[in-house]
């Protein structure tokens, strides 16, 4: 829960480097993204967004032998942006896989999709 809270705070404050630091250098997902790809997506999103509001709801946390974990959560996202309407809102569901290196949890893979759609 502390790892999720840190990520939410970093996202609200548009701290893309902090979020990238929460990811394993070996991050890979089913979409074919690596850590650099996700970092680039975050930077682009934060450039377009003026203000970000996030409403997280953790559905499940499973910890395996204190060295690996899975988090399933839904996040409502809203913000003001430079788009035509100046406002956007979405809700996504995430399945996150983490591993613990030393005393730090790091994201090693993720699947996500708009609420109601399949996670990819």
PDB file of N, CA and C in Angstrom:
ATOM      1  N   UNK A   1       0.825  -1.197   0.000  1.00  0.00           N
ATOM      2  CA  UNK A   1       0.000   0.000   0.000  1.00  0.00           C
ATOM      3  C   UNK A   1       0.863   1.251   0.000  1.00  0.00           C
ATOM      4  N   UNK A   2       1.982   1.215   0.693  1.00  0.00           N
ATOM      5  CA  UNK A   2       2.881   2.374   0.714  1.00  0.00           C
ATOM      6  C   UNK A   2       3.474   2.620  -0.670  1.00  0.00           C
ATOM      7  N   UNK A   3       3.795   1.555  -1.395  1.00  0.00           N
ATOM      8  CA  UNK A   3       4.344   1.683  -2.747  1.00  0.00           C
ATOM      9  C   UNK A   3       3.312   2.350  -3.654  1.00  0.00           C
ATOM     10  N   UNK A   4       2.049   1.921  -3.576  1.00  0.00           N
ATOM     11  CA  UNK A   4       0.978   2.517  -4.374  1.00  0.00           C
ATOM     12  C   UNK A   4       0.810   3.984  -4.006  1.00  0.00           C
ATOM     13  N   UNK A   5       0.784   4.303  -2.723  1.00  0.00           N
ATOM     14  CA  UNK A   5       0.617   5.688  -2.283  1.00  0.00           C
ATOM     15  C   UNK A   5       1.749   6.572  -2.809  1.00  0.00           C
ATOM     16  N   UNK A   6       2.968   6.064  -2.796  1.00  0.00           N
ATOM     17  CA  UNK A   6       4.105   6.828  -3.337  1.00  0.00           C
ATOM     18  C   UNK A   6       3.922   7.094  -4.826  1.00  0.00           C
ATOM     19  N   UNK A   7       3.456   6.084  -5.551  1.00  0.00           N
ATOM     20  CA  UNK A   7       3.224   6.243  -6.985  1.00  0.00           C
ATOM     21  C   UNK A   7       2.112   7.236  -7.282  1.00  0.00           C
ATOM     22  N   UNK A   8       1.046   7.186  -6.524  1.00  0.00           N
ATOM     23  CA  UNK A   8      -0.068   8.127  -6.704  1.00  0.00           C
ATOM     24  C   UNK A   8       0.409   9.550  -6.446  1.00  0.00           C
ATOM     25  N   UNK A   9       1.162   9.763  -5.366  1.00  0.00           N
ATOM     26  CA  UNK A   9       1.688  11.099  -5.063  1.00  0.00           C
ATOM     27  C   UNK A   9       2.604  11.592  -6.176  1.00  0.00           C
ATOM     28  N   UNK A  10       3.477  10.717  -6.670  1.00  0.00           N
ATOM     29  CA  UNK A  10       4.397  11.110  -7.752  1.00  0.00           C
ATOM     30  C   UNK A  10       3.612  11.477  -9.011  1.00  0.00           C
ATOM     31  N   UNK A  11       2.578  10.708  -9.342  1.00  0.00           N
ATOM     32  CA  UNK A  11       1.778  11.000 -10.529  1.00  0.00           C
ATOM     33  C   UNK A  11       1.016  12.324 -10.375  1.00  0.00           C
ATOM     34  N   UNK A  12       0.426  12.552  -9.213  1.00  0.00           N
ATOM     35  CA  UNK A  12      -0.293  13.807  -8.977  1.00  0.00           C
ATOM     36  C   UNK A  12       0.632  15.011  -9.130  1.00  0.00           C
ATOM     37  N   UNK A  13       1.883  14.832  -8.745  1.00  0.00           N
ATOM     38  CA  UNK A  13       2.871  15.915  -8.822  1.00  0.00           C
ATOM     39  C   UNK A  13       3.661  15.897 -10.130  1.00  0.00           C
ATOM     40  N   UNK A  14       3.253  15.023 -11.062  1.00  0.00           N
ATOM     41  CA  UNK A  14       3.870  14.905 -12.380  1.00  0.00           C
ATOM     42  C   UNK A  14       5.377  14.639 -12.303  1.00  0.00           C
ATOM     43  N   UNK A  15       5.782  13.795 -11.356  1.00  0.00           N
ATOM     44  CA  UNK A  15       7.191  13.447 -11.144  1.00  0.00           C
ATOM     45  C   UNK A  15       7.512  12.161 -11.905  1.00  0.00           C
ATOM     46  N   UNK A  16       7.704  12.298 -13.213  1.00  0.00           N
ATOM     47  CA  UNK A  16       7.930  11.124 -14.057  1.00  0.00           C
ATOM     48  C   UNK A  16       9.214  10.392 -13.701  1.00  0.00           C
ATOM     49  N   UNK A  17      10.234  11.097 -13.248  1.00  0.00           N
ATOM     50  CA  UNK A  17      11.487  10.427 -12.859  1.00  0.00           C
ATOM     51  C   UNK A  17      11.291   9.565 -11.611  1.00  0.00           C
ATOM     52  N   UNK A  18      10.492  10.055 -10.679  1.00  0.00           N
ATOM     53  CA  UNK A  18      10.184   9.283  -9.465  1.00  0.00           C
ATOM     54  C   UNK A  18       9.440   7.998  -9.840  1.00  0.00           C
ATOM     55  N   UNK A  19       8.469   8.111 -10.747  1.00  0.00           N
ATOM     56  CA  UNK A  19       7.728   6.929 -11.191  1.00  0.00           C
ATOM     57  C   UNK A  19       8.634   5.940 -11.922  1.00  0.00           C
ATOM     58  N   UNK A  20       9.510   6.443 -12.775  1.00  0.00           N
ATOM     59  CA  UNK A  20      10.450   5.563 -13.481  1.00  0.00           C
ATOM     60  C   UNK A  20      11.364   4.858 -12.484  1.00  0.00           C
ATOM     61  N   UNK A  21      11.719   5.530 -11.404  1.00  0.00           N
ATOM     62  CA  UNK A  21      12.564   4.942 -10.369  1.00  0.00           C
ATOM     63  C   UNK A  21      11.870   3.819  -9.608  1.00  0.00           C
ATOM     64  N   UNK A  22      10.544   3.758  -9.694  1.00  0.00           N
ATOM     65  CA  UNK A  22       9.793   2.699  -9.031  1.00  0.00           C
ATOM     66  C   UNK A  22       9.696   1.449  -9.906  1.00  0.00           C
ATOM     67  N   UNK A  23      10.230   1.550 -11.119  1.00  0.00           N
ATOM     68  CA  UNK A  23      10.184   0.438 -12.067  1.00  0.00           C
ATOM     69  C   UNK A  23      11.540  -0.241 -12.148  1.00  0.00           C
ATOM     70  N   UNK A  24      11.521  -1.545 -12.291  1.00  0.00           N
ATOM     71  CA  UNK A  24      12.753  -2.313 -12.473  1.00  0.00           C
ATOM     72  C   UNK A  24      13.372  -1.950 -13.825  1.00  0.00           C
ATOM     73  N   UNK A  25      14.709  -1.892 -13.898  1.00  0.00           N
ATOM     74  CA  UNK A  25      15.352  -1.681 -15.191  1.00  0.00           C
ATOM     75  C   UNK A  25      14.977  -2.770 -16.200  1.00  0.00           C
ATOM     76  N   UNK A  26      14.572  -3.935 -15.713  1.00  0.00           N
ATOM     77  CA  UNK A  26      14.201  -5.041 -16.606  1.00  0.00           C
ATOM     78  C   UNK A  26      12.687  -5.112 -16.858  1.00  0.00           C
ATOM     79  N   UNK A  27      11.948  -4.038 -16.548  1.00  0.00           N
ATOM     80  CA  UNK A  27      10.506  -4.007 -16.769  1.00  0.00           C
ATOM     81  C   UNK A  27      10.182  -4.409 -18.207  1.00  0.00           C
ATOM     82  N   UNK A  28       9.157  -5.240 -18.357  1.00  0.00           N
ATOM     83  CA  UNK A  28       8.646  -5.630 -19.671  1.00  0.00           C
ATOM     84  C   UNK A  28       7.183  -6.013 -19.508  1.00  0.00           C
ATOM     85  N   UNK A  29       6.367  -5.723 -20.532  1.00  0.00           N
ATOM     86  CA  UNK A  29       4.962  -6.097 -20.436  1.00  0.00           C
ATOM     87  C   UNK A  29       4.461  -6.713 -21.737  1.00  0.00           C
ATOM     88  N   UNK A  30       3.228  -7.180 -21.716  1.00  0.00           N
ATOM     89  CA  UNK A  30       2.641  -7.890 -22.856  1.00  0.00           C
ATOM     90  C   UNK A  30       2.441  -6.990 -24.071  1.00  0.00           C
ATOM     91  N   UNK A  31       2.448  -5.693 -23.880  1.00  0.00           N
ATOM     92  CA  UNK A  31       2.311  -4.754 -24.994  1.00  0.00           C
ATOM     93  C   UNK A  31       3.647  -4.549 -25.715  1.00  0.00           C
ATOM     94  N   UNK A  32       4.708  -5.106 -25.130  1.00  0.00           N
ATOM     95  CA  UNK A  32       6.034  -4.940 -25.710  1.00  0.00           C
ATOM     96  C   UNK A  32       6.764  -3.706 -25.200  1.00  0.00           C
ATOM     97  N   UNK A  33       6.225  -3.059 -24.176  1.00  0.00           N
ATOM     98  CA  UNK A  33       6.854  -1.864 -23.612  1.00  0.00           C
ATOM     99  C   UNK A  33       7.945  -2.234 -22.629  1.00  0.00           C
ATOM    100  N   UNK A  34       8.994  -1.428 -22.601  1.00  0.00           N
ATOM    101  CA  UNK A  34      10.019  -1.561 -21.569  1.00  0.00           C
ATOM    102  C   UNK A  34       9.973  -0.312 -20.689  1.00  0.00           C
ATOM    103  N   UNK A  35      10.884  -0.222 -19.760  1.00  0.00           N
ATOM    104  CA  UNK A  35      10.892   0.897 -18.811  1.00  0.00           C
ATOM    105  C   UNK A  35      10.988   2.247 -19.526  1.00  0.00           C
ATOM    106  N   UNK A  36      11.832   2.347 -20.536  1.00  0.00           N
ATOM    107  CA  UNK A  36      11.979   3.612 -21.263  1.00  0.00           C
ATOM    108  C   UNK A  36      10.698   3.997 -21.990  1.00  0.00           C
ATOM    109  N   UNK A  37      10.003   3.011 -22.550  1.00  0.00           N
ATOM    110  CA  UNK A  37       8.739   3.292 -23.228  1.00  0.00           C
ATOM    111  C   UNK A  37       7.707   3.867 -22.254  1.00  0.00           C
ATOM    112  N   UNK A  38       7.579   3.245 -21.094  1.00  0.00           N
ATOM    113  CA  UNK A  38       6.615   3.723 -20.100  1.00  0.00           C
ATOM    114  C   UNK A  38       7.009   5.113 -19.609  1.00  0.00           C
ATOM    115  N   UNK A  39       8.291   5.324 -19.394  1.00  0.00           N
ATOM    116  CA  UNK A  39       8.761   6.643 -18.959  1.00  0.00           C
ATOM    117  C   UNK A  39       8.400   7.698 -20.000  1.00  0.00           C
ATOM    118  N   UNK A  40       8.569   7.392 -21.270  1.00  0.00           N
ATOM    119  CA  UNK A  40       8.215   8.326 -22.346  1.00  0.00           C
ATOM    120  C   UNK A  40       6.712   8.606 -22.365  1.00  0.00           C
ATOM    121  N   UNK A  41       5.884   7.570 -22.165  1.00  0.00           N
ATOM    122  CA  UNK A  41       4.436   7.761 -22.104  1.00  0.00           C
ATOM    123  C   UNK A  41       4.046   8.687 -20.956  1.00  0.00           C
ATOM    124  N   UNK A  42       4.662   8.478 -19.803  1.00  0.00           N
ATOM    125  CA  UNK A  42       4.375   9.320 -18.642  1.00  0.00           C
ATOM    126  C   UNK A  42       4.771  10.771 -18.900  1.00  0.00           C
ATOM    127  N   UNK A  43       5.956  10.984 -19.454  1.00  0.00           N
ATOM    128  CA  UNK A  43       6.411  12.353 -19.758  1.00  0.00           C
ATOM    129  C   UNK A  43       5.437  13.052 -20.692  1.00  0.00           C
ATOM    130  N   UNK A  44       5.024  12.362 -21.758  1.00  0.00           N
ATOM    131  CA  UNK A  44       4.092  12.953 -22.728  1.00  0.00           C
ATOM    132  C   UNK A  44       2.758  13.296 -22.064  1.00  0.00           C
ATOM    133  N   UNK A  45       2.242  12.393 -21.239  1.00  0.00           N
ATOM    134  CA  UNK A  45       0.979  12.636 -20.547  1.00  0.00           C
ATOM    135  C   UNK A  45       1.104  13.841 -19.619  1.00  0.00           C
ATOM    136  N   UNK A  46       2.192  13.919 -18.879  1.00  0.00           N
ATOM    137  CA  UNK A  46       2.375  15.005 -17.925  1.00  0.00           C
ATOM    138  C   UNK A  46       2.571  16.352 -18.622  1.00  0.00           C
ATOM    139  N   UNK A  47       3.159  16.357 -19.806  1.00  0.00           N
ATOM    140  CA  UNK A  47       3.322  17.604 -20.557  1.00  0.00           C
ATOM    141  C   UNK A  47       1.954  18.143 -20.981  1.00  0.00           C
ATOM    142  N   UNK A  48       1.064  17.252 -21.414  1.00  0.00           N
ATOM    143  CA  UNK A  48      -0.269  17.662 -21.861  1.00  0.00           C
ATOM    144  C   UNK A  48      -1.183  18.043 -20.700  1.00  0.00           C
ATOM    145  N   UNK A  49      -0.947  17.473 -19.531  1.00  0.00           N
ATOM    146  CA  UNK A  49      -1.841  17.689 -18.386  1.00  0.00           C
ATOM    147  C   UNK A  49      -1.391  18.891 -17.564  1.00  0.00           C
ATOM    148  N   UNK A  50      -2.342  19.783 -17.289  1.00  0.00           N
ATOM    149  CA  UNK A  50      -2.043  20.907 -16.408  1.00  0.00           C
ATOM    150  C   UNK A  50      -2.158  20.491 -14.945  1.00  0.00           C
ATOM    151  N   UNK A  51      -3.221  19.794 -14.646  1.00  0.00           N
ATOM    152  CA  UNK A  51      -3.469  19.329 -13.278  1.00  0.00           C
ATOM    153  C   UNK A  51      -4.053  17.926 -13.361  1.00  0.00           C
ATOM    154  N   UNK A  52      -3.658  17.054 -12.420  1.00  0.00           N
ATOM    155  CA  UNK A  52      -4.085  15.656 -12.433  1.00  0.00           C
ATOM    156  C   UNK A  52      -4.728  15.308 -11.091  1.00  0.00           C
ATOM    157  N   UNK A  53      -5.872  14.632 -11.146  1.00  0.00           N
ATOM    158  CA  UNK A  53      -6.514  14.101  -9.943  1.00  0.00           C
ATOM    159  C   UNK A  53      -6.669  12.592 -10.137  1.00  0.00           C
ATOM    160  N   UNK A  54      -6.283  11.825  -9.135  1.00  0.00           N
ATOM    161  CA  UNK A  54      -6.358  10.365  -9.204  1.00  0.00           C
ATOM    162  C   UNK A  54      -7.159   9.836  -8.025  1.00  0.00           C
ATOM    163  N   UNK A  55      -8.037   8.883  -8.315  1.00  0.00           N
ATOM    164  CA  UNK A  55      -8.835   8.236  -7.276  1.00  0.00           C
ATOM    165  C   UNK A  55      -8.561   6.736  -7.342  1.00  0.00           C
ATOM    166  N   UNK A  56      -7.583   6.258  -6.552  1.00  0.00           N
ATOM    167  CA  UNK A  56      -7.233   4.831  -6.595  1.00  0.00           C
ATOM    168  C   UNK A  56      -8.120   3.990  -5.680  1.00  0.00           C
ATOM    169  N   UNK A  57      -8.375   2.772  -6.120  1.00  0.00           N
ATOM    170  CA  UNK A  57      -9.066   1.792  -5.281  1.00  0.00           C
ATOM    171  C   UNK A  57      -8.338   0.462  -5.442  1.00  0.00           C
ATOM    172  N   UNK A  58      -7.637   0.042  -4.400  1.00  0.00           N
ATOM    173  CA  UNK A  58      -6.934  -1.236  -4.423  1.00  0.00           C
ATOM    174  C   UNK A  58      -7.958  -2.346  -4.216  1.00  0.00           C
ATOM    175  N   UNK A  59      -8.000  -3.274  -5.163  1.00  0.00           N
ATOM    176  CA  UNK A  59      -8.932  -4.392  -5.084  1.00  0.00           C
ATOM    177  C   UNK A  59      -8.298  -5.603  -4.419  1.00  0.00           C
ATOM    178  N   UNK A  60      -7.016  -5.786  -4.669  1.00  0.00           N
ATOM    179  CA  UNK A  60      -6.344  -6.991  -4.171  1.00  0.00           C
ATOM    180  C   UNK A  60      -4.839  -6.758  -4.105  1.00  0.00           C
ATOM    181  N   UNK A  61      -4.238  -7.229  -3.031  1.00  0.00           N
ATOM    182  CA  UNK A  61      -2.776  -7.288  -2.911  1.00  0.00           C
ATOM    183  C   UNK A  61      -2.428  -8.700  -2.468  1.00  0.00           C
ATOM    184  N   UNK A  62      -1.589  -9.356  -3.252  1.00  0.00           N
ATOM    185  CA  UNK A  62      -1.112 -10.690  -2.902  1.00  0.00           C
ATOM    186  C   UNK A  62       0.402 -10.637  -2.827  1.00  0.00           C
ATOM    187  N   UNK A  63       0.956 -11.045  -1.685  1.00  0.00           N
ATOM    188  CA  UNK A  63       2.414 -11.053  -1.501  1.00  0.00           C
ATOM    189  C   UNK A  63       2.874 -12.502  -1.460  1.00  0.00           C
ATOM    190  N   UNK A  64       3.912 -12.788  -2.226  1.00  0.00           N
ATOM    191  CA  UNK A  64       4.472 -14.128  -2.317  1.00  0.00           C
ATOM    192  C   UNK A  64       5.856 -14.150  -1.666  1.00  0.00           C
ATOM    193  N   UNK A  65       5.989 -14.832  -0.541  1.00  0.00           N
ATOM    194  CA  UNK A  65       7.270 -15.017   0.149  1.00  0.00           C
ATOM    195  C   UNK A  65       8.039 -13.714   0.395  1.00  0.00           C
ATOM    196  N   UNK A  66       7.349 -12.614   0.583  1.00  0.00           N
ATOM    197  CA  UNK A  66       7.976 -11.314   0.848  1.00  0.00           C
ATOM    198  C   UNK A  66       8.951 -10.859  -0.233  1.00  0.00           C
ATOM    199  N   UNK A  67       8.929 -11.492  -1.408  1.00  0.00           N
ATOM    200  CA  UNK A  67       9.850 -11.102  -2.479  1.00  0.00           C
ATOM    201  C   UNK A  67       9.135 -10.752  -3.775  1.00  0.00           C
ATOM    202  N   UNK A  68       7.854 -11.058  -3.881  1.00  0.00           N
ATOM    203  CA  UNK A  68       7.082 -10.753  -5.078  1.00  0.00           C
ATOM    204  C   UNK A  68       5.660 -10.400  -4.654  1.00  0.00           C
ATOM    205  N   UNK A  69       5.005  -9.607  -5.482  1.00  0.00           N
ATOM    206  CA  UNK A  69       3.638  -9.203  -5.152  1.00  0.00           C
ATOM    207  C   UNK A  69       2.857  -8.906  -6.414  1.00  0.00           C
ATOM    208  N   UNK A  70       1.538  -9.023  -6.276  1.00  0.00           N
ATOM    209  CA  UNK A  70       0.618  -8.656  -7.341  1.00  0.00           C
ATOM    210  C   UNK A  70      -0.398  -7.696  -6.750  1.00  0.00           C
ATOM    211  N   UNK A  71      -0.650  -6.613  -7.465  1.00  0.00           N
ATOM    212  CA  UNK A  71      -1.632  -5.617  -7.038  1.00  0.00           C
ATOM    213  C   UNK A  71      -2.644  -5.451  -8.166  1.00  0.00           C
ATOM    214  N   UNK A  72      -3.917  -5.566  -7.828  1.00  0.00           N
ATOM    215  CA  UNK A  72      -4.980  -5.279  -8.782  1.00  0.00           C
ATOM    216  C   UNK A  72      -5.703  -4.050  -8.248  1.00  0.00           C
ATOM    217  N   UNK A  73      -5.848  -3.048  -9.109  1.00  0.00           N
ATOM    218  CA  UNK A  73      -6.463  -1.802  -8.658  1.00  0.00           C
ATOM    219  C   UNK A  73      -7.166  -1.087  -9.800  1.00  0.00           C
ATOM    220  N   UNK A  74      -8.096  -0.233  -9.425  1.00  0.00           N
ATOM    221  CA  UNK A  74      -8.787   0.649 -10.357  1.00  0.00           C
ATOM    222  C   UNK A  74      -8.393   2.070 -10.002  1.00  0.00           C
ATOM    223  N   UNK A  75      -8.167   2.878 -11.038  1.00  0.00           N
ATOM    224  CA  UNK A  75      -7.807   4.274 -10.803  1.00  0.00           C
ATOM    225  C   UNK A  75      -8.680   5.161 -11.685  1.00  0.00           C
ATOM    226  N   UNK A  76      -9.436   6.034 -11.046  1.00  0.00           N
ATOM    227  CA  UNK A  76     -10.155   7.073 -11.761  1.00  0.00           C
ATOM    228  C   UNK A  76      -9.194   8.229 -11.967  1.00  0.00           C
ATOM    229  N   UNK A  77      -9.144   8.753 -13.186  1.00  0.00           N
ATOM    230  CA  UNK A  77      -8.206   9.821 -13.516  1.00  0.00           C
ATOM    231  C   UNK A  77      -8.964  10.985 -14.137  1.00  0.00           C
ATOM    232  N   UNK A  78      -8.686  12.162 -13.662  1.00  0.00           N
ATOM    233  CA  UNK A  78      -9.280  13.368 -14.238  1.00  0.00           C
ATOM    234  C   UNK A  78      -8.223  14.451 -14.233  1.00  0.00           C
ATOM    235  N   UNK A  79      -8.367  15.360 -15.153  1.00  0.00           N
ATOM    236  CA  UNK A  79      -7.413  16.446 -15.180  1.00  0.00           C
ATOM    237  C   UNK A  79      -7.765  17.518 -16.176  1.00  0.00           C
ATOM    238  N   UNK A  80      -7.136  18.649 -15.988  1.00  0.00           N
ATOM    239  CA  UNK A  80      -7.236  19.709 -16.971  1.00  0.00           C
ATOM    240  C   UNK A  80      -6.042  19.564 -17.895  1.00  0.00           C
ATOM    241  N   UNK A  81      -6.258  19.903 -19.178  1.00  0.00           N
ATOM    242  CA  UNK A  81      -5.196  19.694 -20.145  1.00  0.00           C
ATOM    243  C   UNK A  81      -5.256  20.736 -21.253  1.00  0.00           C
ATOM    244  N   UNK A  82      -4.363  20.589 -22.212  1.00  0.00           N
ATOM    245  CA  UNK A  82      -4.280  21.545 -23.310  1.00  0.00           C
ATOM    246  C   UNK A  82      -5.170  21.140 -24.479  1.00  0.00           C
ATOM    247  N   UNK A  83      -6.009  20.138 -24.304  1.00  0.00           N
ATOM    248  CA  UNK A  83      -6.901  19.668 -25.363  1.00  0.00           C
ATOM    249  C   UNK A  83      -8.018  20.644 -25.657  1.00  0.00           C
ATOM    250  N   UNK A  84      -8.839  20.317 -26.655  1.00  0.00           N
ATOM    251  CA  UNK A  84      -9.925  21.187 -27.107  1.00  0.00           C
ATOM    252  C   UNK A  84     -10.928  21.500 -25.994  1.00  0.00           C
ATOM    253  N   UNK A  85     -11.285  20.490 -25.205  1.00  0.00           N
ATOM    254  CA  UNK A  85     -12.234  20.707 -24.113  1.00  0.00           C
ATOM    255  C   UNK A  85     -11.568  21.221 -22.843  1.00  0.00           C
ATOM    256  N   UNK A  86     -10.284  20.981 -22.708  1.00  0.00           N
ATOM    257  CA  UNK A  86      -9.566  21.427 -21.527  1.00  0.00           C
ATOM    258  C   UNK A  86      -9.731  20.538 -20.318  1.00  0.00           C
ATOM    259  N   UNK A  87     -10.460  19.430 -20.474  1.00  0.00           N
ATOM    260  CA  UNK A  87     -10.711  18.532 -19.352  1.00  0.00           C
ATOM    261  C   UNK A  87     -10.845  17.117 -19.900  1.00  0.00           C
ATOM    262  N   UNK A  88     -10.342  16.148 -19.139  1.00  0.00           N
ATOM    263  CA  UNK A  88     -10.529  14.750 -19.519  1.00  0.00           C
ATOM    264  C   UNK A  88     -10.701  13.910 -18.262  1.00  0.00           C
ATOM    265  N   UNK A  89     -11.410  12.788 -18.423  1.00  0.00           N
ATOM    266  CA  UNK A  89     -11.609  11.864 -17.301  1.00  0.00           C
ATOM    267  C   UNK A  89     -11.698  10.448 -17.852  1.00  0.00           C
ATOM    268  N   UNK A  90     -11.055   9.524 -17.173  1.00  0.00           N
ATOM    269  CA  UNK A  90     -11.039   8.120 -17.557  1.00  0.00           C
ATOM    270  C   UNK A  90     -10.942   7.283 -16.292  1.00  0.00           C
ATOM    271  N   UNK A  91     -11.203   5.997 -16.436  1.00  0.00           N
ATOM    272  CA  UNK A  91     -10.977   5.046 -15.346  1.00  0.00           C
ATOM    273  C   UNK A  91     -10.305   3.820 -15.954  1.00  0.00           C
ATOM    274  N   UNK A  92      -9.247   3.369 -15.311  1.00  0.00           N
ATOM    275  CA  UNK A  92      -8.481   2.223 -15.778  1.00  0.00           C
ATOM    276  C   UNK A  92      -8.360   1.189 -14.674  1.00  0.00           C
ATOM    277  N   UNK A  93      -8.220  -0.052 -15.096  1.00  0.00           N
ATOM    278  CA  UNK A  93      -7.948  -1.148 -14.170  1.00  0.00           C
ATOM    279  C   UNK A  93      -6.527  -1.618 -14.454  1.00  0.00           C
ATOM    280  N   UNK A  94      -5.762  -1.862 -13.409  1.00  0.00           N
ATOM    281  CA  UNK A  94      -4.369  -2.273 -13.522  1.00  0.00           C
ATOM    282  C   UNK A  94      -4.129  -3.580 -12.788  1.00  0.00           C
ATOM    283  N   UNK A  95      -3.267  -4.423 -13.345  1.00  0.00           N
ATOM    284  CA  UNK A  95      -2.729  -5.598 -12.665  1.00  0.00           C
ATOM    285  C   UNK A  95      -1.216  -5.407 -12.688  1.00  0.00           C
ATOM    286  N   UNK A  96      -0.643  -5.176 -11.537  1.00  0.00           N
ATOM    287  CA  UNK A  96       0.777  -4.849 -11.413  1.00  0.00           C
ATOM    288  C   UNK A  96       1.531  -6.002 -10.765  1.00  0.00           C
ATOM    289  N   UNK A  97       2.711  -6.312 -11.296  1.00  0.00           N
ATOM    290  CA  UNK A  97       3.574  -7.331 -10.708  1.00  0.00           C
ATOM    291  C   UNK A  97       4.839  -6.652 -10.211  1.00  0.00           C
ATOM    292  N   UNK A  98       5.170  -6.932  -8.949  1.00  0.00           N
ATOM    293  CA  UNK A  98       6.330  -6.309  -8.325  1.00  0.00           C
ATOM    294  C   UNK A  98       7.273  -7.371  -7.780  1.00  0.00           C
ATOM    295  N   UNK A  99       8.535  -6.975  -7.661  1.00  0.00           N
ATOM    296  CA  UNK A  99       9.494  -7.808  -6.952  1.00  0.00           C
ATOM    297  C   UNK A  99      10.266  -6.922  -5.997  1.00  0.00           C
ATOM    298  N   UNK A 100      10.713  -7.541  -4.911  1.00  0.00           N
ATOM    299  CA  UNK A 100      11.444  -6.802  -3.887  1.00  0.00           C
ATOM    300  C   UNK A 100      12.933  -7.040  -4.065  1.00  0.00           C
ATOM    301  N   UNK A 101      13.658  -5.962  -4.280  1.00  0.00           N
ATOM    302  CA  UNK A 101      15.120  -5.989  -4.388  1.00  0.00           C
ATOM    303  C   UNK A 101      15.652  -5.218  -3.190  1.00  0.00           C
ATOM    304  N   UNK A 102      16.446  -5.879  -2.370  1.00  0.00           N
ATOM    305  CA  UNK A 102      16.913  -5.280  -1.105  1.00  0.00           C
ATOM    306  C   UNK A 102      15.666  -4.888  -0.311  1.00  0.00           C
ATOM    307  N   UNK A 103      15.488  -3.611  -0.024  1.00  0.00           N
ATOM    308  CA  UNK A 103      14.306  -3.173   0.729  1.00  0.00           C
ATOM    309  C   UNK A 103      13.290  -2.450  -0.141  1.00  0.00           C
ATOM    310  N   UNK A 104      13.496  -2.420  -1.461  1.00  0.00           N
ATOM    311  CA  UNK A 104      12.629  -1.661  -2.352  1.00  0.00           C
ATOM    312  C   UNK A 104      11.786  -2.563  -3.240  1.00  0.00           C
ATOM    313  N   UNK A 105      10.509  -2.238  -3.359  1.00  0.00           N
ATOM    314  CA  UNK A 105       9.629  -2.893  -4.309  1.00  0.00           C
ATOM    315  C   UNK A 105       9.766  -2.192  -5.645  1.00  0.00           C
ATOM    316  N   UNK A 106       9.847  -2.978  -6.714  1.00  0.00           N
ATOM    317  CA  UNK A 106       9.941  -2.417  -8.056  1.00  0.00           C
ATOM    318  C   UNK A 106       8.943  -3.110  -8.974  1.00  0.00           C
ATOM    319  N   UNK A 107       8.350  -2.320  -9.853  1.00  0.00           N
ATOM    320  CA  UNK A 107       7.410  -2.838 -10.835  1.00  0.00           C
ATOM    321  C   UNK A 107       8.176  -3.588 -11.915  1.00  0.00           C
ATOM    322  N   UNK A 108       7.798  -4.845 -12.161  1.00  0.00           N
ATOM    323  CA  UNK A 108       8.484  -5.626 -13.194  1.00  0.00           C
ATOM    324  C   UNK A 108       7.606  -5.852 -14.419  1.00  0.00           C
ATOM    325  N   UNK A 109       6.272  -5.713 -14.261  1.00  0.00           N
ATOM    326  CA  UNK A 109       5.365  -5.882 -15.383  1.00  0.00           C
ATOM    327  C   UNK A 109       3.996  -5.326 -15.003  1.00  0.00           C
ATOM    328  N   UNK A 110       3.227  -4.947 -16.018  1.00  0.00           N
ATOM    329  CA  UNK A 110       1.888  -4.422 -15.763  1.00  0.00           C
ATOM    330  C   UNK A 110       0.985  -4.724 -16.948  1.00  0.00           C
ATOM    331  N   UNK A 111      -0.281  -4.912 -16.629  1.00  0.00           N
ATOM    332  CA  UNK A 111      -1.330  -4.988 -17.641  1.00  0.00           C
ATOM    333  C   UNK A 111      -2.377  -3.965 -17.243  1.00  0.00           C
ATOM    334  N   UNK A 112      -3.001  -3.324 -18.224  1.00  0.00           N
ATOM    335  CA  UNK A 112      -4.018  -2.339 -17.917  1.00  0.00           C
ATOM    336  C   UNK A 112      -4.983  -2.202 -19.078  1.00  0.00           C
ATOM    337  N   UNK A 113      -6.128  -1.618 -18.767  1.00  0.00           N
ATOM    338  CA  UNK A 113      -7.137  -1.359 -19.774  1.00  0.00           C
ATOM    339  C   UNK A 113      -8.196  -0.441 -19.202  1.00  0.00           C
ATOM    340  N   UNK A 114      -8.913   0.232 -20.103  1.00  0.00           N
ATOM    341  CA  UNK A 114     -10.010   1.068 -19.647  1.00  0.00           C
ATOM    342  C   UNK A 114     -11.008   0.215 -18.884  1.00  0.00           C
ATOM    343  N   UNK A 115     -11.602   0.778 -17.873  1.00  0.00           N
ATOM    344  CA  UNK A 115     -12.545   0.059 -17.029  1.00  0.00           C
ATOM    345  C   UNK A 115     -13.619  -0.609 -17.905  1.00  0.00           C
ATOM    346  N   UNK A 116     -13.808  -1.888 -17.692  1.00  0.00           N
ATOM    347  CA  UNK A 116     -14.767  -2.659 -18.460  1.00  0.00           C
ATOM    348  C   UNK A 116     -14.165  -3.377 -19.651  1.00  0.00           C
ATOM    349  N   UNK A 117     -12.943  -3.024 -20.028  1.00  0.00           N
ATOM    350  CA  UNK A 117     -12.261  -3.684 -21.138  1.00  0.00           C
ATOM    351  C   UNK A 117     -11.211  -4.661 -20.622  1.00  0.00           C
ATOM    352  N   UNK A 118     -10.761  -5.526 -21.494  1.00  0.00           N
ATOM    353  CA  UNK A 118      -9.756  -6.514 -21.154  1.00  0.00           C
ATOM    354  C   UNK A 118      -8.421  -5.851 -20.797  1.00  0.00           C
ATOM    355  N   UNK A 119      -7.739  -6.417 -19.825  1.00  0.00           N
ATOM    356  CA  UNK A 119      -6.401  -5.940 -19.472  1.00  0.00           C
ATOM    357  C   UNK A 119      -5.415  -6.470 -20.502  1.00  0.00           C
ATOM    358  N   UNK A 120      -4.543  -5.600 -20.982  1.00  0.00           N
ATOM    359  CA  UNK A 120      -3.523  -6.022 -21.947  1.00  0.00           C
ATOM    360  C   UNK A 120      -2.161  -5.565 -21.465  1.00  0.00           C
TER     361      UNK A 120
END
